[in-house]
N, C-alpha and C. Protein backbone atom coordinates (compact mmCIF):
# COMPACT_ATOMS: atom_id res chain seq x y z
N MET A 1 -116.01 -78.28 66.38
CA MET A 1 -114.97 -78.47 67.38
C MET A 1 -115.54 -78.16 68.76
N ILE A 2 -115.36 -79.08 69.67
CA ILE A 2 -115.80 -78.89 71.05
C ILE A 2 -114.57 -78.57 71.87
N THR A 3 -114.57 -77.44 72.54
CA THR A 3 -113.47 -77.10 73.44
C THR A 3 -113.98 -77.05 74.87
N PHE A 4 -113.14 -77.46 75.78
CA PHE A 4 -113.49 -77.52 77.20
C PHE A 4 -112.19 -77.56 77.99
N THR A 5 -112.31 -77.46 79.29
CA THR A 5 -111.15 -77.54 80.17
C THR A 5 -111.22 -78.84 80.95
N LEU A 6 -110.16 -79.60 80.90
CA LEU A 6 -110.07 -80.89 81.60
C LEU A 6 -108.90 -80.82 82.57
N ASN A 7 -109.20 -80.89 83.85
CA ASN A 7 -108.16 -80.83 84.88
C ASN A 7 -107.22 -79.65 84.63
N ASN A 8 -107.83 -78.48 84.39
CA ASN A 8 -107.13 -77.21 84.20
C ASN A 8 -106.34 -77.11 82.90
N GLN A 9 -106.61 -77.99 81.94
CA GLN A 9 -105.95 -77.90 80.64
C GLN A 9 -107.00 -77.84 79.53
N THR A 10 -106.82 -76.90 78.61
CA THR A 10 -107.75 -76.75 77.50
C THR A 10 -107.66 -77.96 76.58
N GLN A 11 -108.82 -78.46 76.18
CA GLN A 11 -108.92 -79.62 75.29
C GLN A 11 -109.79 -79.26 74.10
N SER A 12 -109.53 -79.91 72.98
CA SER A 12 -110.36 -79.77 71.78
C SER A 12 -110.74 -81.16 71.31
N TYR A 13 -111.98 -81.30 70.90
CA TYR A 13 -112.48 -82.60 70.43
C TYR A 13 -113.29 -82.38 69.17
N SER A 14 -112.99 -83.17 68.14
CA SER A 14 -113.71 -83.01 66.87
C SER A 14 -114.40 -84.29 66.43
N GLY A 15 -114.51 -85.25 67.32
CA GLY A 15 -115.14 -86.53 66.99
C GLY A 15 -116.65 -86.48 67.13
N ASP A 16 -117.24 -87.65 67.31
CA ASP A 16 -118.69 -87.80 67.44
C ASP A 16 -119.19 -87.04 68.66
N PRO A 17 -120.04 -86.03 68.47
CA PRO A 17 -120.52 -85.24 69.61
C PRO A 17 -121.42 -86.03 70.56
N GLN A 18 -121.87 -87.21 70.14
CA GLN A 18 -122.71 -88.03 71.01
C GLN A 18 -121.92 -89.05 71.83
N MET A 19 -120.61 -89.14 71.57
CA MET A 19 -119.78 -90.07 72.34
C MET A 19 -119.82 -89.66 73.81
N PRO A 20 -120.01 -90.60 74.72
CA PRO A 20 -120.01 -90.26 76.14
C PRO A 20 -118.65 -89.72 76.61
N LEU A 21 -118.72 -88.74 77.48
CA LEU A 21 -117.52 -88.15 78.07
C LEU A 21 -116.62 -89.22 78.67
N LEU A 22 -117.17 -90.22 79.31
CA LEU A 22 -116.37 -91.27 79.94
C LEU A 22 -115.37 -91.88 78.98
N TRP A 23 -115.80 -92.13 77.74
CA TRP A 23 -114.91 -92.76 76.77
C TRP A 23 -113.82 -91.80 76.33
N TYR A 24 -114.13 -90.52 76.27
CA TYR A 24 -113.08 -89.54 75.97
C TYR A 24 -112.05 -89.55 77.09
N LEU A 25 -112.52 -89.51 78.33
CA LEU A 25 -111.60 -89.48 79.47
C LEU A 25 -110.68 -90.69 79.48
N ARG A 26 -111.26 -91.86 79.31
CA ARG A 26 -110.48 -93.09 79.41
C ARG A 26 -109.64 -93.37 78.17
N ASP A 27 -110.25 -93.23 76.99
CA ASP A 27 -109.58 -93.65 75.76
C ASP A 27 -108.73 -92.55 75.13
N ALA A 28 -109.23 -91.34 75.06
CA ALA A 28 -108.50 -90.27 74.39
C ALA A 28 -107.53 -89.57 75.35
N ALA A 29 -108.00 -89.27 76.56
CA ALA A 29 -107.17 -88.55 77.52
C ALA A 29 -106.30 -89.46 78.38
N GLY A 30 -106.59 -90.76 78.38
CA GLY A 30 -105.81 -91.71 79.17
C GLY A 30 -106.01 -91.59 80.66
N LEU A 31 -107.12 -91.00 81.07
CA LEU A 31 -107.43 -90.83 82.50
C LEU A 31 -108.35 -91.98 82.93
N THR A 32 -107.77 -93.03 83.43
CA THR A 32 -108.53 -94.24 83.73
C THR A 32 -109.06 -94.31 85.17
N GLY A 33 -108.88 -93.26 85.94
CA GLY A 33 -109.42 -93.25 87.31
C GLY A 33 -110.93 -93.24 87.34
N THR A 34 -111.55 -92.63 86.36
CA THR A 34 -113.01 -92.61 86.25
C THR A 34 -113.42 -93.95 85.65
N LYS A 35 -114.31 -94.65 86.34
CA LYS A 35 -114.64 -96.03 85.96
C LYS A 35 -115.98 -96.17 85.24
N TYR A 36 -116.08 -97.21 84.44
CA TYR A 36 -117.34 -97.61 83.84
C TYR A 36 -117.99 -98.60 84.78
N GLY A 37 -119.21 -98.32 85.19
CA GLY A 37 -119.93 -99.22 86.08
C GLY A 37 -121.14 -99.80 85.39
N CYS A 38 -122.23 -99.08 85.42
CA CYS A 38 -123.49 -99.59 84.87
C CYS A 38 -123.78 -99.11 83.45
N GLY A 39 -123.19 -98.01 83.05
CA GLY A 39 -123.46 -97.45 81.73
C GLY A 39 -124.80 -96.76 81.62
N MET A 40 -125.48 -96.60 82.75
CA MET A 40 -126.82 -95.99 82.75
C MET A 40 -126.92 -94.79 83.70
N ALA A 41 -125.77 -94.33 84.20
CA ALA A 41 -125.70 -93.18 85.11
C ALA A 41 -126.43 -93.44 86.42
N LEU A 42 -126.42 -94.69 86.87
CA LEU A 42 -127.13 -95.05 88.09
C LEU A 42 -126.22 -95.44 89.25
N CYS A 43 -124.99 -95.86 88.98
CA CYS A 43 -124.16 -96.41 90.06
C CYS A 43 -123.14 -95.43 90.63
N GLY A 44 -122.77 -94.41 89.85
CA GLY A 44 -121.84 -93.39 90.35
C GLY A 44 -120.38 -93.65 90.12
N ALA A 45 -119.99 -94.80 89.57
CA ALA A 45 -118.57 -95.09 89.36
C ALA A 45 -117.91 -94.10 88.39
N CYS A 46 -118.70 -93.50 87.52
CA CYS A 46 -118.17 -92.60 86.49
C CYS A 46 -118.28 -91.13 86.88
N THR A 47 -118.48 -90.83 88.14
CA THR A 47 -118.70 -89.45 88.59
C THR A 47 -117.47 -88.58 88.41
N VAL A 48 -117.69 -87.43 87.78
CA VAL A 48 -116.69 -86.37 87.62
C VAL A 48 -117.35 -85.08 88.01
N HIS A 49 -116.61 -84.01 88.04
CA HIS A 49 -117.20 -82.67 88.28
C HIS A 49 -117.29 -81.93 86.96
N ILE A 50 -118.45 -81.38 86.69
CA ILE A 50 -118.65 -80.49 85.55
C ILE A 50 -119.00 -79.13 86.16
N ASP A 51 -118.11 -78.17 85.96
CA ASP A 51 -118.27 -76.85 86.58
C ASP A 51 -118.56 -76.97 88.08
N GLY A 52 -117.89 -77.93 88.72
CA GLY A 52 -117.99 -78.11 90.17
C GLY A 52 -119.09 -79.02 90.65
N ASP A 53 -119.98 -79.42 89.77
CA ASP A 53 -121.10 -80.30 90.16
C ASP A 53 -120.79 -81.76 89.85
N ALA A 54 -121.10 -82.65 90.78
CA ALA A 54 -120.92 -84.08 90.55
C ALA A 54 -121.85 -84.50 89.43
N THR A 55 -121.28 -85.14 88.41
CA THR A 55 -122.02 -85.51 87.20
C THR A 55 -121.57 -86.88 86.73
N ARG A 56 -122.50 -87.68 86.27
CA ARG A 56 -122.18 -89.00 85.71
C ARG A 56 -121.68 -88.81 84.28
N SER A 57 -120.53 -89.38 83.97
CA SER A 57 -119.93 -89.18 82.65
C SER A 57 -120.26 -90.27 81.64
N CYS A 58 -120.84 -91.38 82.07
CA CYS A 58 -121.06 -92.50 81.15
C CYS A 58 -122.17 -92.24 80.15
N ARG A 59 -123.06 -91.31 80.44
CA ARG A 59 -124.17 -91.01 79.53
C ARG A 59 -124.14 -89.57 79.02
N LEU A 60 -123.18 -88.79 79.47
CA LEU A 60 -123.09 -87.40 79.09
C LEU A 60 -122.37 -87.26 77.76
N PRO A 61 -123.06 -86.78 76.72
CA PRO A 61 -122.40 -86.66 75.41
C PRO A 61 -121.36 -85.55 75.41
N MET A 62 -120.36 -85.73 74.58
CA MET A 62 -119.30 -84.73 74.45
C MET A 62 -119.88 -83.36 74.11
N ALA A 63 -120.95 -83.32 73.34
CA ALA A 63 -121.57 -82.04 72.98
C ALA A 63 -121.97 -81.23 74.21
N ALA A 64 -122.26 -81.91 75.31
CA ALA A 64 -122.71 -81.24 76.53
C ALA A 64 -121.58 -80.60 77.33
N VAL A 65 -120.33 -80.90 76.97
CA VAL A 65 -119.22 -80.36 77.75
C VAL A 65 -118.56 -79.14 77.12
N ALA A 66 -119.10 -78.66 76.03
CA ALA A 66 -118.53 -77.48 75.36
C ALA A 66 -118.46 -76.32 76.35
N ASP A 67 -117.29 -75.72 76.45
CA ASP A 67 -117.05 -74.56 77.31
C ASP A 67 -117.21 -74.86 78.80
N LYS A 68 -117.16 -76.11 79.19
CA LYS A 68 -117.30 -76.50 80.60
C LYS A 68 -115.93 -76.80 81.19
N ARG A 69 -115.89 -76.82 82.52
CA ARG A 69 -114.68 -77.21 83.28
C ARG A 69 -114.95 -78.60 83.86
N ILE A 70 -114.13 -79.55 83.46
CA ILE A 70 -114.28 -80.94 83.92
C ILE A 70 -113.12 -81.26 84.84
N THR A 71 -113.45 -81.87 85.98
CA THR A 71 -112.42 -82.34 86.90
C THR A 71 -112.65 -83.82 87.14
N THR A 72 -111.60 -84.60 86.95
CA THR A 72 -111.64 -86.03 87.24
C THR A 72 -110.91 -86.29 88.56
N ILE A 73 -110.90 -87.52 88.99
CA ILE A 73 -110.20 -87.87 90.22
C ILE A 73 -108.72 -87.51 90.10
N GLU A 74 -108.16 -87.62 88.90
CA GLU A 74 -106.75 -87.27 88.70
C GLU A 74 -106.51 -85.77 88.88
N GLY A 75 -107.54 -84.96 88.65
CA GLY A 75 -107.40 -83.51 88.75
C GLY A 75 -107.92 -82.92 90.05
N LEU A 76 -108.45 -83.78 90.93
CA LEU A 76 -108.99 -83.28 92.19
C LEU A 76 -107.91 -82.56 92.98
N ASP A 77 -106.73 -83.14 93.04
CA ASP A 77 -105.56 -82.51 93.65
C ASP A 77 -104.33 -83.16 93.05
N GLU A 78 -103.46 -82.37 92.46
CA GLU A 78 -102.31 -82.94 91.75
C GLU A 78 -101.36 -83.72 92.66
N LYS A 79 -101.43 -83.50 93.96
CA LYS A 79 -100.58 -84.24 94.89
C LYS A 79 -101.39 -85.25 95.72
N ASN A 80 -102.62 -85.52 95.30
CA ASN A 80 -103.51 -86.42 96.03
C ASN A 80 -103.67 -85.99 97.48
N ALA A 81 -103.73 -84.67 97.68
CA ALA A 81 -103.80 -84.12 99.03
C ALA A 81 -105.12 -83.40 99.30
N HIS A 82 -106.13 -83.66 98.48
CA HIS A 82 -107.46 -83.11 98.76
C HIS A 82 -107.94 -83.70 100.09
N PRO A 83 -108.63 -82.95 100.92
CA PRO A 83 -109.09 -83.49 102.20
C PRO A 83 -109.85 -84.81 102.07
N VAL A 84 -110.62 -84.98 101.01
CA VAL A 84 -111.35 -86.24 100.81
C VAL A 84 -110.36 -87.37 100.54
N GLN A 85 -109.36 -87.14 99.70
CA GLN A 85 -108.38 -88.18 99.40
C GLN A 85 -107.60 -88.57 100.66
N ILE A 86 -107.24 -87.59 101.45
CA ILE A 86 -106.52 -87.88 102.69
C ILE A 86 -107.41 -88.68 103.65
N ALA A 87 -108.64 -88.25 103.81
CA ALA A 87 -109.56 -88.94 104.73
C ALA A 87 -109.84 -90.36 104.25
N TRP A 88 -109.94 -90.56 102.94
CA TRP A 88 -110.17 -91.91 102.40
C TRP A 88 -109.03 -92.84 102.81
N ALA A 89 -107.80 -92.35 102.68
CA ALA A 89 -106.63 -93.17 103.02
C ALA A 89 -106.55 -93.39 104.53
N GLU A 90 -106.77 -92.35 105.31
CA GLU A 90 -106.65 -92.48 106.76
C GLU A 90 -107.72 -93.37 107.36
N ASN A 91 -108.87 -93.47 106.69
CA ASN A 91 -109.96 -94.30 107.20
C ASN A 91 -110.08 -95.64 106.50
N ASP A 92 -109.08 -95.99 105.70
CA ASP A 92 -109.05 -97.29 105.00
C ASP A 92 -110.38 -97.57 104.31
N VAL A 93 -110.88 -96.60 103.56
CA VAL A 93 -112.21 -96.74 102.95
C VAL A 93 -112.26 -97.84 101.90
N PRO A 94 -111.37 -97.86 100.92
CA PRO A 94 -111.54 -98.82 99.83
C PRO A 94 -111.41 -100.27 100.27
N GLN A 95 -112.21 -101.10 99.66
CA GLN A 95 -112.03 -102.54 99.80
C GLN A 95 -111.54 -103.03 98.45
N CYS A 96 -112.42 -103.23 97.48
CA CYS A 96 -111.92 -103.56 96.15
C CYS A 96 -111.45 -102.30 95.44
N GLY A 97 -112.07 -101.15 95.77
CA GLY A 97 -111.65 -99.86 95.25
C GLY A 97 -112.28 -99.40 93.95
N TYR A 98 -113.02 -100.25 93.28
CA TYR A 98 -113.52 -99.91 91.94
C TYR A 98 -114.40 -98.66 91.95
N CYS A 99 -115.27 -98.52 92.91
CA CYS A 99 -116.21 -97.40 92.93
C CYS A 99 -115.64 -96.15 93.59
N GLN A 100 -114.46 -96.26 94.18
CA GLN A 100 -114.00 -95.22 95.08
C GLN A 100 -113.70 -93.88 94.43
N SER A 101 -113.24 -93.83 93.18
CA SER A 101 -113.03 -92.51 92.56
C SER A 101 -114.35 -91.78 92.42
N GLY A 102 -115.40 -92.50 92.03
CA GLY A 102 -116.73 -91.87 91.94
C GLY A 102 -117.24 -91.45 93.31
N GLN A 103 -116.99 -92.27 94.31
CA GLN A 103 -117.41 -91.94 95.68
C GLN A 103 -116.70 -90.66 96.14
N MET A 104 -115.40 -90.58 95.90
CA MET A 104 -114.63 -89.41 96.32
C MET A 104 -115.06 -88.15 95.58
N MET A 105 -115.35 -88.28 94.29
CA MET A 105 -115.78 -87.10 93.53
C MET A 105 -117.14 -86.62 94.02
N GLN A 106 -118.04 -87.53 94.35
CA GLN A 106 -119.34 -87.16 94.89
C GLN A 106 -119.16 -86.49 96.25
N ALA A 107 -118.31 -87.06 97.09
CA ALA A 107 -118.05 -86.49 98.41
C ALA A 107 -117.41 -85.11 98.32
N ALA A 108 -116.48 -84.93 97.41
CA ALA A 108 -115.81 -83.63 97.25
C ALA A 108 -116.82 -82.57 96.81
N ALA A 109 -117.74 -82.93 95.91
CA ALA A 109 -118.77 -81.98 95.48
C ALA A 109 -119.69 -81.63 96.64
N LEU A 110 -120.05 -82.64 97.44
CA LEU A 110 -120.89 -82.38 98.61
C LEU A 110 -120.21 -81.40 99.55
N LEU A 111 -118.94 -81.65 99.87
CA LEU A 111 -118.24 -80.79 100.83
C LEU A 111 -117.97 -79.39 100.28
N SER A 112 -117.85 -79.29 98.98
CA SER A 112 -117.68 -77.96 98.37
C SER A 112 -118.95 -77.14 98.53
N ALA A 113 -120.09 -77.80 98.39
CA ALA A 113 -121.38 -77.10 98.52
C ALA A 113 -121.82 -76.97 99.97
N ASN A 114 -121.41 -77.93 100.82
CA ASN A 114 -121.85 -77.97 102.21
C ASN A 114 -120.69 -78.46 103.07
N PRO A 115 -119.87 -77.56 103.59
CA PRO A 115 -118.66 -77.95 104.32
C PRO A 115 -118.90 -78.71 105.62
N SER A 116 -120.11 -78.67 106.16
CA SER A 116 -120.40 -79.36 107.41
C SER A 116 -121.71 -80.13 107.30
N PRO A 117 -121.76 -81.16 106.45
CA PRO A 117 -123.02 -81.88 106.27
C PRO A 117 -123.39 -82.74 107.47
N THR A 118 -124.66 -82.89 107.69
CA THR A 118 -125.17 -83.80 108.71
C THR A 118 -125.11 -85.23 108.17
N ASP A 119 -125.31 -86.21 109.05
CA ASP A 119 -125.35 -87.60 108.61
C ASP A 119 -126.40 -87.77 107.52
N GLU A 120 -127.57 -87.18 107.72
CA GLU A 120 -128.66 -87.30 106.73
C GLU A 120 -128.26 -86.68 105.39
N GLU A 121 -127.60 -85.53 105.43
CA GLU A 121 -127.16 -84.88 104.19
C GLU A 121 -126.10 -85.71 103.47
N ILE A 122 -125.21 -86.33 104.22
CA ILE A 122 -124.21 -87.22 103.63
C ILE A 122 -124.90 -88.40 102.96
N GLU A 123 -125.81 -89.02 103.69
CA GLU A 123 -126.51 -90.19 103.15
C GLU A 123 -127.30 -89.83 101.90
N GLN A 124 -127.96 -88.68 101.91
CA GLN A 124 -128.76 -88.25 100.77
C GLN A 124 -127.86 -87.98 99.56
N SER A 125 -126.77 -87.27 99.78
CA SER A 125 -125.87 -86.93 98.66
C SER A 125 -125.21 -88.17 98.09
N MET A 126 -124.83 -89.12 98.93
CA MET A 126 -124.08 -90.29 98.49
C MET A 126 -124.98 -91.44 98.05
N SER A 127 -126.29 -91.31 98.20
CA SER A 127 -127.20 -92.44 97.95
C SER A 127 -127.14 -92.96 96.51
N GLY A 128 -126.74 -92.16 95.55
CA GLY A 128 -126.67 -92.61 94.17
C GLY A 128 -125.36 -93.29 93.81
N ASN A 129 -124.44 -93.39 94.75
CA ASN A 129 -123.15 -94.03 94.50
C ASN A 129 -123.16 -95.40 95.19
N ILE A 130 -123.02 -96.43 94.38
CA ILE A 130 -123.13 -97.79 94.88
C ILE A 130 -121.74 -98.37 95.15
N CYS A 131 -121.61 -99.02 96.30
CA CYS A 131 -120.39 -99.73 96.66
C CYS A 131 -120.78 -101.19 96.91
N ARG A 132 -120.39 -102.05 96.01
CA ARG A 132 -120.77 -103.47 96.14
C ARG A 132 -120.10 -104.13 97.33
N CYS A 133 -119.01 -103.54 97.81
CA CYS A 133 -118.33 -104.11 98.98
C CYS A 133 -118.95 -103.64 100.30
N GLY A 134 -119.82 -102.64 100.23
CA GLY A 134 -120.53 -102.18 101.44
C GLY A 134 -119.68 -101.33 102.37
N THR A 135 -118.81 -100.51 101.84
CA THR A 135 -117.96 -99.70 102.70
C THR A 135 -118.64 -98.40 103.14
N TYR A 136 -119.95 -98.36 103.10
CA TYR A 136 -120.69 -97.14 103.41
C TYR A 136 -120.35 -96.54 104.79
N PRO A 137 -120.22 -97.31 105.85
CA PRO A 137 -119.85 -96.69 107.15
C PRO A 137 -118.49 -96.00 107.08
N ARG A 138 -117.51 -96.59 106.39
CA ARG A 138 -116.20 -95.97 106.27
C ARG A 138 -116.26 -94.74 105.37
N ILE A 139 -117.09 -94.79 104.34
CA ILE A 139 -117.27 -93.62 103.47
C ILE A 139 -117.82 -92.46 104.28
N LYS A 140 -118.85 -92.70 105.06
CA LYS A 140 -119.44 -91.63 105.88
C LYS A 140 -118.42 -91.09 106.88
N LYS A 141 -117.67 -91.98 107.51
CA LYS A 141 -116.66 -91.56 108.48
C LYS A 141 -115.60 -90.70 107.80
N ALA A 142 -115.19 -91.07 106.59
CA ALA A 142 -114.18 -90.30 105.87
C ALA A 142 -114.72 -88.93 105.47
N ILE A 143 -115.97 -88.86 105.05
CA ILE A 143 -116.55 -87.57 104.69
C ILE A 143 -116.60 -86.67 105.91
N LYS A 144 -116.98 -87.21 107.04
CA LYS A 144 -117.02 -86.42 108.26
C LYS A 144 -115.61 -85.97 108.65
N ALA A 145 -114.64 -86.83 108.46
CA ALA A 145 -113.24 -86.47 108.77
C ALA A 145 -112.79 -85.34 107.83
N ALA A 146 -113.11 -85.48 106.55
CA ALA A 146 -112.71 -84.45 105.58
C ALA A 146 -113.40 -83.12 105.88
N ALA A 147 -114.59 -83.20 106.43
CA ALA A 147 -115.32 -81.98 106.79
C ALA A 147 -114.80 -81.39 108.09
N GLY A 148 -113.98 -82.15 108.81
CA GLY A 148 -113.44 -81.67 110.07
C GLY A 148 -114.37 -81.87 111.23
N SER A 149 -115.47 -82.61 111.02
CA SER A 149 -116.45 -82.81 112.08
C SER A 149 -116.16 -84.04 112.93
N GLU A 150 -115.10 -84.77 112.55
CA GLU A 150 -114.75 -85.96 113.30
C GLU A 150 -113.27 -86.26 113.07
N LYS A 151 -112.58 -86.65 114.06
CA LYS A 151 -111.17 -87.01 113.88
C LYS A 151 -111.08 -88.34 113.13
N ALA A 152 -110.14 -88.40 112.23
CA ALA A 152 -109.96 -89.64 111.43
C ALA A 152 -109.33 -90.72 112.28
């Protein structure tokens, strides 16, 4: 039995320990905000927080989450009032929106570790998250707004 905390709720899992966390989130927990992108942990669409760190869930086996705290986009803030979520809306970041939950989770982890990142630090942290629509300038602007370093 694998036990872990998902969005502040204790979970138990007794299935295949090699099943990727992403499929548990989407299929078992019904949390579809975390997206399947490349399936190779390269694009960032499946980013969640594991014990506060941005982590790709598409390749992470369930066995690796035992006794961990997992936060998905649905658990970032129960009222969608996390500074990153607010900044994303105020700066009209999403275009198609598919990658945006992963982008926001990566940005939230960055700001948790570094509340006032430089442009270079933002670019470095976000470089593994791909946006096919090219909303990178709006993403950077929203991160800076969420950090309080720029008015939205």
